[in-house]
Amino acid sequence: MKRTISFLSVVYLTVLTACNQVSTGTNTESSSAIIIVVENKKYNGTEDKLDQTQEIGDQIGTIEKKTKATKMPAGNNQSNYFTVGSEIYSVEGTEDYIIVKDKDHKSHLMKKVVQKR
């Protein structure tokens, strides 16, 4: 009986640890971040909102290649989320953001990734 309880405790802790690694992002084999590379700059999804004075600017490109969701895009106009043909726009008044319009014409605000030194 004692062996059974010990065995079940070990199994429970193993499962709990594995679930925690996935939910906290410590599993380094996969990435759930939305990433896009434009003009050699990386952008990712954000919950930031543009203020009223900023408007969508000119089209600066389209997504030319979609990588696997678990892979970091390596070249310009690549994304691990958006489909090929999605349109990329600048944002007037800032270089910190771009807007991607997907095939359903839904706009997604993307923020430039700041490299930590």
C-alpha atoms as a PDB file:
ATOM      1  CA  MET A   1       0.000   0.000   0.000  1.00  0.00           C
ATOM      2  CA  LYS A   2       2.821   2.356   0.900  1.00  0.00           C
ATOM      3  CA  ARG A   3       4.563   1.584  -2.387  1.00  0.00           C
ATOM      4  CA  THR A   4       1.420   2.391  -4.356  1.00  0.00           C
ATOM      5  CA  ILE A   5       0.986   5.771  -2.670  1.00  0.00           C
ATOM      6  CA  SER A   6       4.668   6.597  -3.227  1.00  0.00           C
ATOM      7  CA  PHE A   7       4.441   5.579  -6.888  1.00  0.00           C
ATOM      8  CA  LEU A   8       1.292   7.634  -7.469  1.00  0.00           C
ATOM      9  CA  SER A   9       2.894  10.645  -5.759  1.00  0.00           C
ATOM     10  CA  VAL A  10       5.908  10.452  -8.081  1.00  0.00           C
ATOM     11  CA  VAL A  11       3.672  10.173 -11.162  1.00  0.00           C
ATOM     12  CA  TYR A  12       1.543  13.111  -9.981  1.00  0.00           C
ATOM     13  CA  LEU A  13       4.603  15.328  -9.412  1.00  0.00           C
ATOM     14  CA  THR A  14       6.065  14.386 -12.800  1.00  0.00           C
ATOM     15  CA  VAL A  15       2.854  15.300 -14.615  1.00  0.00           C
ATOM     16  CA  LEU A  16       2.518  18.526 -12.631  1.00  0.00           C
ATOM     17  CA  THR A  17       6.095  19.549 -13.458  1.00  0.00           C
ATOM     18  CA  ALA A  18       5.628  18.801 -17.172  1.00  0.00           C
ATOM     19  CA  CYS A  19       2.427  20.862 -17.324  1.00  0.00           C
ATOM     20  CA  ASN A  20       4.132  23.757 -15.537  1.00  0.00           C
ATOM     21  CA  GLN A  21       6.999  23.824 -18.066  1.00  0.00           C
ATOM     22  CA  VAL A  22       4.566  24.131 -20.973  1.00  0.00           C
ATOM     23  CA  SER A  23       2.376  26.806 -19.361  1.00  0.00           C
ATOM     24  CA  THR A  24       5.265  29.017 -18.186  1.00  0.00           C
ATOM     25  CA  GLY A  25       7.121  28.929 -21.473  1.00  0.00           C
ATOM     26  CA  THR A  26      10.206  27.140 -20.160  1.00  0.00           C
ATOM     27  CA  ASN A  27       9.851  24.540 -22.869  1.00  0.00           C
ATOM     28  CA  THR A  28      12.440  25.920 -25.298  1.00  0.00           C
ATOM     29  CA  GLU A  29      11.536  23.670 -28.218  1.00  0.00           C
ATOM     30  CA  SER A  30       8.437  25.644 -29.153  1.00  0.00           C
ATOM     31  CA  SER A  31       7.386  29.255 -29.468  1.00  0.00           C
ATOM     32  CA  SER A  32       3.899  30.665 -29.357  1.00  0.00           C
ATOM     33  CA  ALA A  33       4.905  34.264 -30.043  1.00  0.00           C
ATOM     34  CA  ILE A  34       3.681  35.844 -33.262  1.00  0.00           C
ATOM     35  CA  ILE A  35       6.814  37.048 -35.052  1.00  0.00           C
ATOM     36  CA  ILE A  36       7.299  38.898 -38.334  1.00  0.00           C
ATOM     37  CA  VAL A  37      10.527  40.178 -39.916  1.00  0.00           C
ATOM     38  CA  VAL A  38      10.333  43.370 -42.003  1.00  0.00           C
ATOM     39  CA  GLU A  39      13.321  45.371 -43.244  1.00  0.00           C
ATOM     40  CA  ASN A  40      15.648  43.267 -41.049  1.00  0.00           C
ATOM     41  CA  LYS A  41      13.655  44.192 -37.924  1.00  0.00           C
ATOM     42  CA  LYS A  42      11.665  41.744 -35.806  1.00  0.00           C
ATOM     43  CA  TYR A  43       8.153  42.602 -34.664  1.00  0.00           C
ATOM     44  CA  ASN A  44       5.853  40.657 -32.366  1.00  0.00           C
ATOM     45  CA  GLY A  45       2.216  40.811 -31.408  1.00  0.00           C
ATOM     46  CA  THR A  46       1.221  43.309 -28.746  1.00  0.00           C
ATOM     47  CA  GLU A  47      -1.799  44.426 -26.774  1.00  0.00           C
ATOM     48  CA  ASP A  48      -0.699  48.072 -27.162  1.00  0.00           C
ATOM     49  CA  LYS A  49      -3.236  50.407 -28.717  1.00  0.00           C
ATOM     50  CA  LEU A  50      -2.451  53.219 -31.136  1.00  0.00           C
ATOM     51  CA  ASP A  51      -3.571  56.667 -30.072  1.00  0.00           C
ATOM     52  CA  GLN A  52      -5.984  58.711 -32.154  1.00  0.00           C
ATOM     53  CA  THR A  53      -3.242  60.759 -33.876  1.00  0.00           C
ATOM     54  CA  GLN A  54      -1.521  57.719 -35.400  1.00  0.00           C
ATOM     55  CA  GLU A  55      -2.852  56.343 -38.664  1.00  0.00           C
ATOM     56  CA  ILE A  56      -2.084  53.453 -40.963  1.00  0.00           C
ATOM     57  CA  GLY A  57       0.647  54.462 -43.389  1.00  0.00           C
ATOM     58  CA  ASP A  58       1.862  53.135 -46.713  1.00  0.00           C
ATOM     59  CA  GLN A  59       2.019  49.466 -47.611  1.00  0.00           C
ATOM     60  CA  ILE A  60       5.631  48.394 -47.084  1.00  0.00           C
ATOM     61  CA  GLY A  61       5.352  44.764 -48.149  1.00  0.00           C
ATOM     62  CA  THR A  62       3.506  41.470 -48.032  1.00  0.00           C
ATOM     63  CA  ILE A  63       4.214  38.206 -46.271  1.00  0.00           C
ATOM     64  CA  GLU A  64       6.223  36.119 -48.733  1.00  0.00           C
ATOM     65  CA  LYS A  65       6.888  33.051 -46.572  1.00  0.00           C
ATOM     66  CA  LYS A  66       5.193  31.460 -43.586  1.00  0.00           C
ATOM     67  CA  THR A  67       7.449  29.424 -41.314  1.00  0.00           C
ATOM     68  CA  LYS A  68       6.344  26.815 -38.806  1.00  0.00           C
ATOM     69  CA  ALA A  69       4.800  28.317 -35.677  1.00  0.00           C
ATOM     70  CA  THR A  70       7.654  26.886 -33.622  1.00  0.00           C
ATOM     71  CA  LYS A  71      10.382  28.467 -35.778  1.00  0.00           C
ATOM     72  CA  MET A  72      11.783  31.994 -35.761  1.00  0.00           C
ATOM     73  CA  PRO A  73      11.411  33.631 -39.195  1.00  0.00           C
ATOM     74  CA  ALA A  74      14.870  34.072 -40.732  1.00  0.00           C
ATOM     75  CA  GLY A  75      14.348  36.536 -43.571  1.00  0.00           C
ATOM     76  CA  ASN A  76      12.473  39.662 -44.541  1.00  0.00           C
ATOM     77  CA  ASN A  77       8.708  39.476 -45.068  1.00  0.00           C
ATOM     78  CA  GLN A  78       8.471  36.172 -43.224  1.00  0.00           C
ATOM     79  CA  SER A  79       6.139  35.268 -40.374  1.00  0.00           C
ATOM     80  CA  ASN A  80       5.446  32.261 -38.201  1.00  0.00           C
ATOM     81  CA  TYR A  81       1.754  33.210 -38.011  1.00  0.00           C
ATOM     82  CA  PHE A  82       0.445  35.220 -40.951  1.00  0.00           C
ATOM     83  CA  THR A  83      -0.311  33.569 -44.279  1.00  0.00           C
ATOM     84  CA  VAL A  84       1.471  34.379 -47.531  1.00  0.00           C
ATOM     85  CA  GLY A  85      -0.090  37.465 -49.103  1.00  0.00           C
ATOM     86  CA  SER A  86      -0.972  39.237 -45.834  1.00  0.00           C
ATOM     87  CA  GLU A  87      -0.264  42.957 -46.262  1.00  0.00           C
ATOM     88  CA  ILE A  88       2.245  44.895 -44.136  1.00  0.00           C
ATOM     89  CA  TYR A  89       1.742  48.633 -43.454  1.00  0.00           C
ATOM     90  CA  SER A  90       3.753  51.308 -41.696  1.00  0.00           C
ATOM     91  CA  VAL A  91       2.208  53.378 -38.911  1.00  0.00           C
ATOM     92  CA  GLU A  92       2.337  57.141 -39.376  1.00  0.00           C
ATOM     93  CA  GLY A  93       4.364  58.966 -36.732  1.00  0.00           C
ATOM     94  CA  THR A  94       6.317  55.977 -35.379  1.00  0.00           C
ATOM     95  CA  GLU A  95       8.779  53.324 -36.445  1.00  0.00           C
ATOM     96  CA  ASP A  96       8.051  51.204 -33.368  1.00  0.00           C
ATOM     97  CA  TYR A  97       4.922  49.620 -34.862  1.00  0.00           C
ATOM     98  CA  ILE A  98       3.610  48.087 -38.059  1.00  0.00           C
ATOM     99  CA  ILE A  99       0.163  46.804 -38.970  1.00  0.00           C
ATOM    100  CA  VAL A 100      -0.469  43.497 -40.716  1.00  0.00           C
ATOM    101  CA  LYS A 101      -3.770  42.941 -42.513  1.00  0.00           C
ATOM    102  CA  ASP A 102      -4.543  39.245 -42.820  1.00  0.00           C
ATOM    103  CA  LYS A 103      -6.531  37.518 -45.565  1.00  0.00           C
ATOM    104  CA  ASP A 104      -9.774  38.368 -43.699  1.00  0.00           C
ATOM    105  CA  HIS A 105      -8.740  42.074 -43.741  1.00  0.00           C
ATOM    106  CA  LYS A 106      -8.377  42.077 -39.942  1.00  0.00           C
ATOM    107  CA  SER A 107      -5.659  44.484 -38.747  1.00  0.00           C
ATOM    108  CA  HIS A 108      -3.017  43.284 -36.278  1.00  0.00           C
ATOM    109  CA  LEU A 109      -0.734  45.733 -34.485  1.00  0.00           C
ATOM    110  CA  MET A 110       2.865  44.518 -34.202  1.00  0.00           C
ATOM    111  CA  LYS A 111       5.559  46.097 -32.009  1.00  0.00           C
ATOM    112  CA  LYS A 112       9.267  46.262 -32.849  1.00  0.00           C
ATOM    113  CA  VAL A 113      11.394  43.965 -30.700  1.00  0.00           C
ATOM    114  CA  VAL A 114      14.020  45.923 -28.782  1.00  0.00           C
ATOM    115  CA  GLN A 115      17.316  44.055 -28.587  1.00  0.00           C
ATOM    116  CA  LYS A 116      18.679  43.924 -25.024  1.00  0.00           C
ATOM    117  CA  ARG A 117      22.389  44.493 -24.744  1.00  0.00           C
END
